[in-house]
């Protein structure tokens, strides 16, 4: 396995923050991120369109393997240099139920966590950047002060 495509909810601050954290880690297996349900995701993974709309984490390997939910998180950790050992631990039969419970709790509460921790989604950041783009016309220039100052 040489690469994994992570389908994540770009509308969720928690999910977007996790995406940026994963991108910043040393990777043993390349991670590529696509917003779930995006045109690119639909084109590349047409059979996952209905199931990968951001309601659950979905990871697809370059070999065609599909991982969902807690298994998707574990395979993401497996792809990271500093977290591969954790992936093996969490995948053990004794810890997998705990990992599943934690993952499901976070999934259910990710909206609240995003709000509480002020995590902005990729969509919110893109909208904010678009709203702050410099205007190309004179209408956007700051008004001149009266009285010549």
Protein backbone atom coordinates (compact mmCIF):
# COMPACT_ATOMS: atom_id res chain seq x y z
CA UNK A 1 0.00 0.00 0.00
CA UNK A 2 1.50 3.30 -1.10
CA UNK A 3 -1.31 5.81 -0.57
CA UNK A 4 -4.61 6.34 1.22
CA UNK A 5 -7.39 8.71 0.27
CA UNK A 6 -9.25 10.11 3.26
CA UNK A 7 -12.83 11.22 2.63
CA UNK A 8 -13.65 13.68 5.41
CA UNK A 9 -16.39 16.19 6.25
CA UNK A 10 -15.02 19.57 5.11
CA UNK A 11 -18.04 21.25 6.74
CA UNK A 12 -16.96 20.06 10.22
CA UNK A 13 -14.40 22.04 12.22
CA UNK A 14 -13.25 18.99 14.15
CA UNK A 15 -12.84 16.92 10.98
CA UNK A 16 -10.97 19.73 9.20
CA UNK A 17 -8.67 20.22 12.20
CA UNK A 18 -7.93 16.48 12.24
CA UNK A 19 -7.18 16.63 8.53
CA UNK A 20 -4.64 19.42 9.02
CA UNK A 21 -3.06 17.58 11.95
CA UNK A 22 -2.70 14.41 9.86
CA UNK A 23 -1.18 16.42 7.00
CA UNK A 24 1.44 17.81 9.36
CA UNK A 25 2.66 14.40 10.54
CA UNK A 26 5.50 12.40 9.02
CA UNK A 27 3.82 9.88 6.71
CA UNK A 28 5.01 6.38 5.91
CA UNK A 29 2.08 6.02 3.52
CA UNK A 30 0.94 9.10 1.59
CA UNK A 31 -2.38 10.54 2.73
CA UNK A 32 -4.57 12.44 0.31
CA UNK A 33 -7.67 14.27 1.55
CA UNK A 34 -10.93 14.82 -0.31
CA UNK A 35 -14.10 16.38 1.01
CA UNK A 36 -16.68 13.60 1.14
CA UNK A 37 -19.37 14.11 -1.48
CA UNK A 38 -17.26 16.57 -3.49
CA UNK A 39 -17.28 16.33 -7.30
CA UNK A 40 -13.76 14.86 -7.22
CA UNK A 41 -14.73 12.26 -4.61
CA UNK A 42 -17.83 11.35 -6.63
CA UNK A 43 -15.81 10.98 -9.82
CA UNK A 44 -13.07 8.87 -8.21
CA UNK A 45 -15.28 6.77 -5.94
CA UNK A 46 -18.75 6.57 -7.52
CA UNK A 47 -19.73 3.51 -5.48
CA UNK A 48 -19.06 5.38 -2.23
CA UNK A 49 -21.09 8.49 -3.09
CA UNK A 50 -24.14 7.53 -1.06
CA UNK A 51 -22.21 6.27 1.94
CA UNK A 52 -19.33 8.77 2.15
CA UNK A 53 -21.09 12.11 2.51
CA UNK A 54 -19.22 13.12 5.65
CA UNK A 55 -21.40 11.19 8.08
CA UNK A 56 -18.55 8.79 8.69
CA UNK A 57 -14.83 8.77 8.10
CA UNK A 58 -13.97 6.69 5.02
CA UNK A 59 -10.48 5.82 3.81
CA UNK A 60 -9.71 4.12 0.49
CA UNK A 61 -6.34 2.51 -0.22
CA UNK A 62 -4.64 2.59 -3.58
CA UNK A 63 -5.19 -1.19 -3.59
CA UNK A 64 -8.96 -0.75 -3.36
CA UNK A 65 -9.48 -1.48 0.34
CA UNK A 66 -12.22 0.58 2.02
CA UNK A 67 -12.06 1.39 5.73
CA UNK A 68 -14.88 3.02 7.68
CA UNK A 69 -15.28 4.58 11.10
CA UNK A 70 -12.80 3.41 13.74
CA UNK A 71 -10.95 1.20 11.23
CA UNK A 72 -10.47 4.28 9.03
CA UNK A 73 -8.92 6.15 11.95
CA UNK A 74 -6.67 3.19 12.76
CA UNK A 75 -5.44 2.92 9.17
CA UNK A 76 -4.72 6.68 9.17
CA UNK A 77 -2.62 6.24 12.31
CA UNK A 78 -0.92 3.24 10.68
CA UNK A 79 0.15 5.54 7.82
CA UNK A 80 1.96 7.90 10.23
CA UNK A 81 5.54 7.36 11.30
CA UNK A 82 5.04 8.35 14.94
CA UNK A 83 1.66 6.62 15.39
CA UNK A 84 2.03 3.26 13.66
CA UNK A 85 2.62 1.53 17.01
CA UNK A 86 -0.60 3.09 18.32
CA UNK A 87 -2.50 1.72 15.32
CA UNK A 88 -1.36 -1.80 16.17
CA UNK A 89 -2.34 -1.32 19.81
CA UNK A 90 -5.78 0.05 18.99
CA UNK A 91 -6.42 -2.75 16.51
CA UNK A 92 -5.92 -5.46 19.16
CA UNK A 93 -9.08 -7.30 20.19
CA UNK A 94 -8.71 -6.00 23.76
CA UNK A 95 -8.57 -2.31 22.72
CA UNK A 96 -10.63 -2.25 19.53
CA UNK A 97 -13.96 -1.98 21.42
CA UNK A 98 -12.58 0.96 23.43
CA UNK A 99 -11.29 2.64 20.25
CA UNK A 100 -14.70 2.05 18.63
CA UNK A 101 -16.56 3.57 21.60
CA UNK A 102 -14.29 6.64 21.71
CA UNK A 103 -14.51 7.12 17.95
CA UNK A 104 -18.30 6.87 17.99
CA UNK A 105 -18.59 9.31 20.92
CA UNK A 106 -16.38 11.84 19.13
CA UNK A 107 -18.33 11.33 15.88
CA UNK A 108 -21.64 12.00 17.58
CA UNK A 109 -20.30 15.08 19.40
CA UNK A 110 -17.99 16.52 16.74
CA UNK A 111 -20.26 19.49 16.04
CA UNK A 112 -20.29 20.44 19.70
CA UNK A 113 -16.56 19.89 20.01
CA UNK A 114 -16.00 22.11 16.97
CA UNK A 115 -18.07 24.88 18.54
CA UNK A 116 -16.58 24.48 22.03
CA UNK A 117 -12.99 24.44 20.78
CA UNK A 118 -13.67 27.07 18.09
CA UNK A 119 -12.49 24.80 15.31
CA UNK A 120 -13.35 26.19 11.90
CA UNK A 121 -14.16 23.92 9.01
CA UNK A 122 -12.32 24.05 5.70
CA UNK A 123 -15.51 25.47 4.15
CA UNK A 124 -15.70 28.25 6.77
CA UNK A 125 -12.04 29.15 6.27
CA UNK A 126 -12.45 29.22 2.47
CA UNK A 127 -15.53 31.45 2.79
CA UNK A 128 -13.70 33.82 5.15
CA UNK A 129 -10.73 34.06 2.80
CA UNK A 130 -13.05 34.68 -0.16
CA UNK A 131 -14.85 37.43 1.74
CA UNK A 132 -11.55 39.18 2.51
CA UNK A 133 -10.08 39.14 -0.99
CA UNK A 134 -8.96 42.56 -2.16
CA UNK A 135 -11.39 44.18 -4.50
CA UNK A 136 -10.25 44.99 -8.02
CA UNK A 137 -12.45 48.08 -8.38
CA UNK A 138 -12.33 51.59 -6.91
CA UNK A 139 -15.64 50.95 -5.17
CA UNK A 140 -13.77 48.87 -2.58
CA UNK A 141 -11.28 51.59 -1.70
CA UNK A 142 -11.50 53.11 1.77
CA UNK A 143 -13.45 56.36 1.83
CA UNK A 144 -11.34 59.51 1.87
CA UNK A 145 -11.44 61.65 4.99
CA UNK A 146 -13.25 64.96 4.75
CA UNK A 147 -11.33 68.17 5.17
CA UNK A 148 -8.29 67.05 3.19
CA UNK A 149 -6.79 64.81 5.87
